[in-house]
C-alpha atoms as a PDB file:
ATOM      1  CA  ASP A   1       6.705  31.333  19.183  1.00  0.00           C
ATOM      2  CA  SER A   2       8.860  28.331  19.385  1.00  0.00           C
ATOM      3  CA  ILE A   3      12.487  26.715  18.892  1.00  0.00           C
ATOM      4  CA  GLU A   4      12.671  22.451  19.177  1.00  0.00           C
ATOM      5  CA  ALA A   5      15.103  19.897  18.160  1.00  0.00           C
ATOM      6  CA  LEU A   6      15.361  18.808  14.837  1.00  0.00           C
ATOM      7  CA  PRO A   7      16.021  14.722  13.962  1.00  0.00           C
ATOM      8  CA  VAL A   8      18.645  16.519  11.451  1.00  0.00           C
ATOM      9  CA  PRO A   9      22.449  16.877  13.609  1.00  0.00           C
ATOM     10  CA  GLY A  10      23.331  20.558  14.030  1.00  0.00           C
ATOM     11  CA  PHE A  11      19.978  22.768  13.188  1.00  0.00           C
ATOM     12  CA  ARG A  12      17.160  23.590  15.096  1.00  0.00           C
ATOM     13  CA  GLN A  13      13.532  23.892  14.015  1.00  0.00           C
ATOM     14  CA  VAL A  14      11.981  27.960  14.609  1.00  0.00           C
ATOM     15  CA  VAL A  15       8.740  28.989  14.109  1.00  0.00           C
ATOM     16  CA  ALA A  16       8.253  32.741  14.340  1.00  0.00           C
ATOM     17  CA  GLY A  17       5.259  34.537  12.887  1.00  0.00           C
ATOM     18  CA  GLY A  18       3.426  31.733  10.483  1.00  0.00           C
ATOM     19  CA  GLN A  19       6.730  31.137   9.181  1.00  0.00           C
ATOM     20  CA  VAL A  20       8.909  27.730  10.034  1.00  0.00           C
ATOM     21  CA  VAL A  21      12.719  28.394   9.255  1.00  0.00           C
ATOM     22  CA  TYR A  22      15.727  25.883  10.131  1.00  0.00           C
ATOM     23  CA  VAL A  23      19.201  27.713  11.975  1.00  0.00           C
ATOM     24  CA  SER A  24      22.171  26.497  12.312  1.00  0.00           C
ATOM     25  CA  GLU A  25      23.080  25.543  16.399  1.00  0.00           C
ATOM     26  CA  ASP A  26      26.148  27.837  15.809  1.00  0.00           C
ATOM     27  CA  GLY A  27      23.698  30.847  14.210  1.00  0.00           C
ATOM     28  CA  LYS A  28      25.549  30.603  10.823  1.00  0.00           C
ATOM     29  CA  TYR A  29      23.169  29.339   8.954  1.00  0.00           C
ATOM     30  CA  LEU A  30      19.502  29.465   7.895  1.00  0.00           C
ATOM     31  CA  LEU A  31      17.348  27.363   5.945  1.00  0.00           C
ATOM     32  CA  GLN A  32      13.643  28.148   4.609  1.00  0.00           C
ATOM     33  CA  GLY A  33      11.996  25.185   3.070  1.00  0.00           C
ATOM     34  CA  GLU A  34       9.511  22.150   4.284  1.00  0.00           C
ATOM     35  CA  LEU A  35      11.375  19.699   5.392  1.00  0.00           C
ATOM     36  CA  MET A  36      10.005  16.142   4.904  1.00  0.00           C
ATOM     37  CA  ASP A  37      10.835  12.408   6.740  1.00  0.00           C
ATOM     38  CA  VAL A  38      10.554  10.344   3.701  1.00  0.00           C
ATOM     39  CA  THR A  39      10.447   7.025   5.595  1.00  0.00           C
ATOM     40  CA  ALA A  40       7.612   8.058   7.780  1.00  0.00           C
ATOM     41  CA  ARG A  41       6.213  10.156   4.572  1.00  0.00           C
ATOM     42  CA  LYS A  42       5.828  13.099   6.824  1.00  0.00           C
ATOM     43  CA  ASN A  43       5.931  16.821   6.670  1.00  0.00           C
ATOM     44  CA  LEU A  44       7.794  18.024   9.445  1.00  0.00           C
ATOM     45  CA  SER A  45       7.036  21.636   9.069  1.00  0.00           C
ATOM     46  CA  ASP A  46       3.635  21.149   8.255  1.00  0.00           C
ATOM     47  CA  ALA A  47       3.586  19.528  11.633  1.00  0.00           C
ATOM     48  CA  ALA A  48       5.368  22.011  13.497  1.00  0.00           C
ATOM     49  CA  LEU A  49       3.010  24.940  12.130  1.00  0.00           C
ATOM     50  CA  THR A  50      -0.101  22.590  13.159  1.00  0.00           C
ATOM     51  CA  LYS A  51       1.276  22.538  16.706  1.00  0.00           C
ATOM     52  CA  VAL A  52       1.511  26.001  17.270  1.00  0.00           C
ATOM     53  CA  ARG A  53      -1.666  26.600  15.186  1.00  0.00           C
ATOM     54  CA  ALA A  54      -2.974  24.706  17.777  1.00  0.00           C
ATOM     55  CA  ALA A  55      -1.886  26.774  20.950  1.00  0.00           C
ATOM     56  CA  VAL A  56      -2.824  29.847  19.060  1.00  0.00           C
ATOM     57  CA  LEU A  57      -6.555  28.748  18.773  1.00  0.00           C
ATOM     58  CA  LYS A  58      -6.132  27.994  22.595  1.00  0.00           C
ATOM     59  CA  THR A  59      -6.189  31.724  23.157  1.00  0.00           C
ATOM     60  CA  LEU A  60      -8.978  31.941  21.304  1.00  0.00           C
ATOM     61  CA  PRO A  61     -12.212  31.736  23.339  1.00  0.00           C
ATOM     62  CA  VAL A  62     -14.779  29.915  21.484  1.00  0.00           C
ATOM     63  CA  SER A  63     -17.185  33.057  22.863  1.00  0.00           C
ATOM     64  CA  ASP A  64     -15.545  35.728  20.958  1.00  0.00           C
ATOM     65  CA  ARG A  65     -15.506  33.691  17.283  1.00  0.00           C
ATOM     66  CA  ILE A  66     -19.030  33.795  15.448  1.00  0.00           C
ATOM     67  CA  VAL A  67     -20.422  30.350  15.710  1.00  0.00           C
ATOM     68  CA  PHE A  68     -22.890  28.953  12.942  1.00  0.00           C
ATOM     69  CA  ALA A  69     -23.717  25.482  14.148  1.00  0.00           C
ATOM     70  CA  PRO A  70     -25.595  22.782  12.525  1.00  0.00           C
ATOM     71  CA  ALA A  71     -29.086  20.705  14.611  1.00  0.00           C
ATOM     72  CA  GLY A  72     -27.671  18.758  17.072  1.00  0.00           C
ATOM     73  CA  THR A  73     -24.417  17.328  17.982  1.00  0.00           C
ATOM     74  CA  PRO A  74     -21.926  18.600  15.257  1.00  0.00           C
ATOM     75  CA  ARG A  75     -19.986  15.700  13.532  1.00  0.00           C
ATOM     76  CA  HIS A  76     -17.023  17.853  12.485  1.00  0.00           C
ATOM     77  CA  LYS A  77     -16.311  21.499  13.719  1.00  0.00           C
ATOM     78  CA  VAL A  78     -13.845  23.710  11.666  1.00  0.00           C
ATOM     79  CA  VAL A  79     -12.079  27.365  12.060  1.00  0.00           C
ATOM     80  CA  VAL A  80     -12.376  29.625   8.991  1.00  0.00           C
ATOM     81  CA  LEU A  81     -10.578  32.898   9.123  1.00  0.00           C
ATOM     82  CA  THR A  82     -12.496  35.086   7.334  1.00  0.00           C
ATOM     83  CA  ASP A  83     -12.977  38.617   5.721  1.00  0.00           C
ATOM     84  CA  ILE A  84     -15.854  40.387   4.354  1.00  0.00           C
ATOM     85  CA  GLU A  85     -14.712  41.341   0.905  1.00  0.00           C
ATOM     86  CA  CYS A  86     -13.149  38.677  -0.052  1.00  0.00           C
ATOM     87  CA  GLY A  87     -15.017  36.456  -2.968  1.00  0.00           C
ATOM     88  CA  TYR A  88     -14.064  32.998  -2.108  1.00  0.00           C
ATOM     89  CA  CYS A  89     -15.329  34.410   2.008  1.00  0.00           C
ATOM     90  CA  ARG A  90     -18.417  35.296   0.502  1.00  0.00           C
ATOM     91  CA  LYS A  91     -19.161  31.873  -1.606  1.00  0.00           C
ATOM     92  CA  PHE A  92     -18.253  29.921   1.207  1.00  0.00           C
ATOM     93  CA  HIS A  93     -21.036  32.019   3.413  1.00  0.00           C
ATOM     94  CA  ASN A  94     -23.457  31.631   1.019  1.00  0.00           C
ATOM     95  CA  GLU A  95     -23.139  27.718   1.141  1.00  0.00           C
ATOM     96  CA  ILE A  96     -23.354  27.523   4.945  1.00  0.00           C
ATOM     97  CA  ALA A  97     -26.251  26.448   5.486  1.00  0.00           C
ATOM     98  CA  ALA A  98     -25.565  23.203   3.250  1.00  0.00           C
ATOM     99  CA  VAL A  99     -22.581  22.652   5.320  1.00  0.00           C
ATOM    100  CA  ASN A 100     -24.281  22.906   8.574  1.00  0.00           C
ATOM    101  CA  LYS A 101     -27.174  19.940   6.929  1.00  0.00           C
ATOM    102  CA  LEU A 102     -23.676  17.941   6.749  1.00  0.00           C
ATOM    103  CA  GLY A 103     -23.149  17.960  10.709  1.00  0.00           C
ATOM    104  CA  ILE A 104     -20.212  20.837  10.672  1.00  0.00           C
ATOM    105  CA  GLU A 105     -20.280  23.222  12.897  1.00  0.00           C
ATOM    106  CA  VAL A 106     -18.352  26.996  11.278  1.00  0.00           C
ATOM    107  CA  GLU A 107     -16.456  29.288  14.189  1.00  0.00           C
ATOM    108  CA  TYR A 108     -15.566  32.342  12.235  1.00  0.00           C
ATOM    109  CA  LEU A 109     -12.418  34.083  12.979  1.00  0.00           C
ATOM    110  CA  ALA A 110     -12.066  37.825  11.402  1.00  0.00           C
ATOM    111  CA  PHE A 111      -9.385  38.642   9.724  1.00  0.00           C
ATOM    112  CA  PRO A 112      -9.488  41.910   7.597  1.00  0.00           C
ATOM    113  CA  ARG A 113      -7.159  41.392   4.905  1.00  0.00           C
ATOM    114  CA  ALA A 114      -6.825  44.705   4.418  1.00  0.00           C
ATOM    115  CA  GLY A 115      -5.324  45.570   7.846  1.00  0.00           C
ATOM    116  CA  LEU A 116      -5.940  46.960  10.760  1.00  0.00           C
ATOM    117  CA  GLY A 117      -7.469  50.545  10.892  1.00  0.00           C
ATOM    118  CA  SER A 118      -9.093  49.798   6.887  1.00  0.00           C
ATOM    119  CA  SER A 119     -12.154  50.087   6.190  1.00  0.00           C
ATOM    120  CA  ASP A 120     -12.711  46.044   5.906  1.00  0.00           C
ATOM    121  CA  TYR A 121     -11.438  46.397   9.347  1.00  0.00           C
ATOM    122  CA  ARG A 122     -13.805  48.614  10.719  1.00  0.00           C
ATOM    123  CA  LYS A 123     -16.871  46.556   9.193  1.00  0.00           C
ATOM    124  CA  MET A 124     -15.547  43.854  10.877  1.00  0.00           C
ATOM    125  CA  VAL A 125     -15.999  45.612  14.235  1.00  0.00           C
ATOM    126  CA  SER A 126     -19.429  46.886  13.675  1.00  0.00           C
ATOM    127  CA  VAL A 127     -20.381  42.740  12.877  1.00  0.00           C
ATOM    128  CA  TRP A 128     -18.165  41.356  16.296  1.00  0.00           C
ATOM    129  CA  CYS A 129     -20.289  44.265  17.987  1.00  0.00           C
ATOM    130  CA  ALA A 130     -23.876  43.646  17.068  1.00  0.00           C
ATOM    131  CA  SER A 131     -26.147  42.417  19.176  1.00  0.00           C
ATOM    132  CA  ASP A 132     -26.606  39.793  16.834  1.00  0.00           C
ATOM    133  CA  ARG A 133     -23.157  38.996  14.951  1.00  0.00           C
ATOM    134  CA  LYS A 134     -24.381  36.028  12.389  1.00  0.00           C
ATOM    135  CA  GLN A 135     -27.210  37.865  11.089  1.00  0.00           C
ATOM    136  CA  ALA A 136     -24.868  41.050  10.707  1.00  0.00           C
ATOM    137  CA  LEU A 137     -21.945  38.983   9.062  1.00  0.00           C
ATOM    138  CA  THR A 138     -24.227  37.447   6.939  1.00  0.00           C
ATOM    139  CA  ASP A 139     -25.429  40.954   5.910  1.00  0.00           C
ATOM    140  CA  ALA A 140     -22.022  42.203   5.318  1.00  0.00           C
ATOM    141  CA  LYS A 141     -20.753  39.782   3.353  1.00  0.00           C
ATOM    142  CA  ASN A 142     -24.211  39.702   1.057  1.00  0.00           C
ATOM    143  CA  GLY A 143     -22.913  43.388   0.831  1.00  0.00           C
ATOM    144  CA  GLY A 144     -25.924  45.328   2.752  1.00  0.00           C
ATOM    145  CA  ALA A 145     -25.018  48.177   4.857  1.00  0.00           C
ATOM    146  CA  ILE A 146     -24.678  47.458   8.258  1.00  0.00           C
ATOM    147  CA  PRO A 147     -24.555  50.540  10.977  1.00  0.00           C
ATOM    148  CA  ASN A 148     -21.202  51.708  12.443  1.00  0.00           C
ATOM    149  CA  ARG A 149     -20.552  50.545  15.862  1.00  0.00           C
ATOM    150  CA  SER A 150     -17.830  50.805  17.951  1.00  0.00           C
ATOM    151  CA  CYS A 151     -16.788  48.412  21.072  1.00  0.00           C
ATOM    152  CA  LYS A 152     -13.939  46.443  22.985  1.00  0.00           C
ATOM    153  CA  THR A 153     -13.657  43.334  20.184  1.00  0.00           C
ATOM    154  CA  PRO A 154     -11.528  40.775  19.900  1.00  0.00           C
ATOM    155  CA  VAL A 155     -10.971  41.420  15.984  1.00  0.00           C
ATOM    156  CA  ASP A 156      -7.638  42.728  16.686  1.00  0.00           C
ATOM    157  CA  MET A 157      -6.370  39.770  18.664  1.00  0.00           C
ATOM    158  CA  GLN A 158      -7.797  37.586  15.741  1.00  0.00           C
ATOM    159  CA  TYR A 159      -6.130  39.392  13.107  1.00  0.00           C
ATOM    160  CA  HIS A 160      -2.841  38.920  14.699  1.00  0.00           C
ATOM    161  CA  ALA A 161      -3.467  35.556  15.483  1.00  0.00           C
ATOM    162  CA  GLY A 162      -3.644  34.542  11.869  1.00  0.00           C
ATOM    163  CA  LEU A 163      -0.425  35.820  11.422  1.00  0.00           C
ATOM    164  CA  ARG A 164       0.918  33.538  13.989  1.00  0.00           C
ATOM    165  CA  MET A 165      -0.816  30.753  12.382  1.00  0.00           C
ATOM    166  CA  GLY A 166       0.770  31.458   8.940  1.00  0.00           C
ATOM    167  CA  LEU A 167      -2.245  32.953   6.872  1.00  0.00           C
ATOM    168  CA  GLU A 168      -1.776  33.966   3.427  1.00  0.00           C
ATOM    169  CA  GLY A 169      -5.104  34.010   2.193  1.00  0.00           C
ATOM    170  CA  THR A 170      -8.693  34.270   3.104  1.00  0.00           C
ATOM    171  CA  PRO A 171     -10.737  31.716   3.927  1.00  0.00           C
ATOM    172  CA  MET A 172      -8.098  29.792   5.641  1.00  0.00           C
ATOM    173  CA  MET A 173     -10.115  26.780   7.331  1.00  0.00           C
ATOM    174  CA  LEU A 174      -8.315  24.555   9.968  1.00  0.00           C
ATOM    175  CA  THR A 175      -9.762  22.027  12.234  1.00  0.00           C
ATOM    176  CA  THR A 176     -10.272  22.914  15.978  1.00  0.00           C
ATOM    177  CA  ASP A 177      -6.486  21.523  16.448  1.00  0.00           C
ATOM    178  CA  GLY A 178      -5.023  23.478  13.776  1.00  0.00           C
ATOM    179  CA  GLU A 179      -4.555  21.257  11.023  1.00  0.00           C
ATOM    180  CA  PHE A 180      -4.470  23.124   7.638  1.00  0.00           C
ATOM    181  CA  LEU A 181      -7.452  22.052   5.999  1.00  0.00           C
ATOM    182  CA  GLY A 182      -6.856  24.556   2.750  1.00  0.00           C
ATOM    183  CA  GLY A 183      -8.799  27.603   1.655  1.00  0.00           C
ATOM    184  CA  TYR A 184     -12.141  27.549  -0.025  1.00  0.00           C
ATOM    185  CA  LEU A 185     -13.694  24.242  -0.374  1.00  0.00           C
ATOM    186  CA  PRO A 186     -17.773  23.427  -1.299  1.00  0.00           C
ATOM    187  CA  PRO A 187     -19.596  21.750   1.500  1.00  0.00           C
ATOM    188  CA  GLU A 188     -18.771  17.825  -0.129  1.00  0.00           C
ATOM    189  CA  ALA A 189     -14.639  18.358  -0.365  1.00  0.00           C
ATOM    190  CA  LEU A 190     -14.929  19.817   2.974  1.00  0.00           C
ATOM    191  CA  LEU A 191     -16.833  16.930   4.670  1.00  0.00           C
ATOM    192  CA  GLN A 192     -14.092  14.489   2.319  1.00  0.00           C
ATOM    193  CA  ARG A 193     -11.527  16.021   3.723  1.00  0.00           C
ATOM    194  CA  LEU A 194     -12.244  16.388   7.282  1.00  0.00           C
ATOM    195  CA  GLU A 195     -13.910  12.244   7.281  1.00  0.00           C
ATOM    196  CA  GLN A 196     -10.225  11.234   5.821  1.00  0.00           C
ATOM    197  CA  ILE A 197      -8.233  13.075   8.583  1.00  0.00           C
ATOM    198  CA  GLN A 198     -10.681  11.767  10.724  1.00  0.00           C
ATOM    199  CA  ALA A 199      -9.431   8.467   9.474  1.00  0.00           C
ATOM    200  CA  GLU A 200      -5.989   8.887   9.221  1.00  0.00           C
ATOM    201  CA  ARG A 201      -6.274   9.748  13.119  1.00  0.00           C
ATOM    202  CA  GLY A 202      -7.888   6.484  13.604  1.00  0.00           C
ATOM    203  CA  LYS A 203      -5.701   4.414  12.108  1.00  0.00           C
ATOM    204  CA  ALA A 204      -2.443   6.045  14.067  1.00  0.00           C
ATOM    205  CA  VAL A 205      -4.492   5.546  17.755  1.00  0.00           C
ATOM    206  CA  ALA A 206      -4.964   2.274  16.580  1.00  0.00           C
ATOM    207  CA  GLY A 207      -1.348   1.990  15.135  1.00  0.00           C
ATOM    208  CA  ILE A 208      -1.941   0.813  11.679  1.00  0.00           C
END
């Protein structure tokens, strides 16, 4: 996905398949792990992956996402890569009304963790093919039967996007510009994290 220079002489930063590695310019050595700028107190590896996630998200139209929006203008928006079967995905979805009530818009992307062609994948295709995707997703997450449907869907594209973004488990929560928020977060904790990020960005803009 990207090859960039580093402040570390003799090495390049490489992002591929959702992983950040460091390769010597002569190609002889490869380092894997997090690179920290101690002076700036910044995780350079996470910043590199955030940049790639932001680029990947731009390739995924909002119209292909299943969006649960609050009334009025959202205070925050999050992108959630979700699976129908995972317990924490279901727990988060059961709290979606509380999340929306806090002014947070949730944009779901499909990530069938069992892989393409699995039963989970076929269910997610059926959800994305439904005339009412939001209701179909809710029904599926509640364990209800949903009619088998087949159509052209973004499920495959979103699944591959999740791999490129370094997904290791579902749910995966991101800001709309690719910053990693975590796995499952309760509504109030999610709001607190988003407010913290917003405050940090405000300080950065102000040069504080």
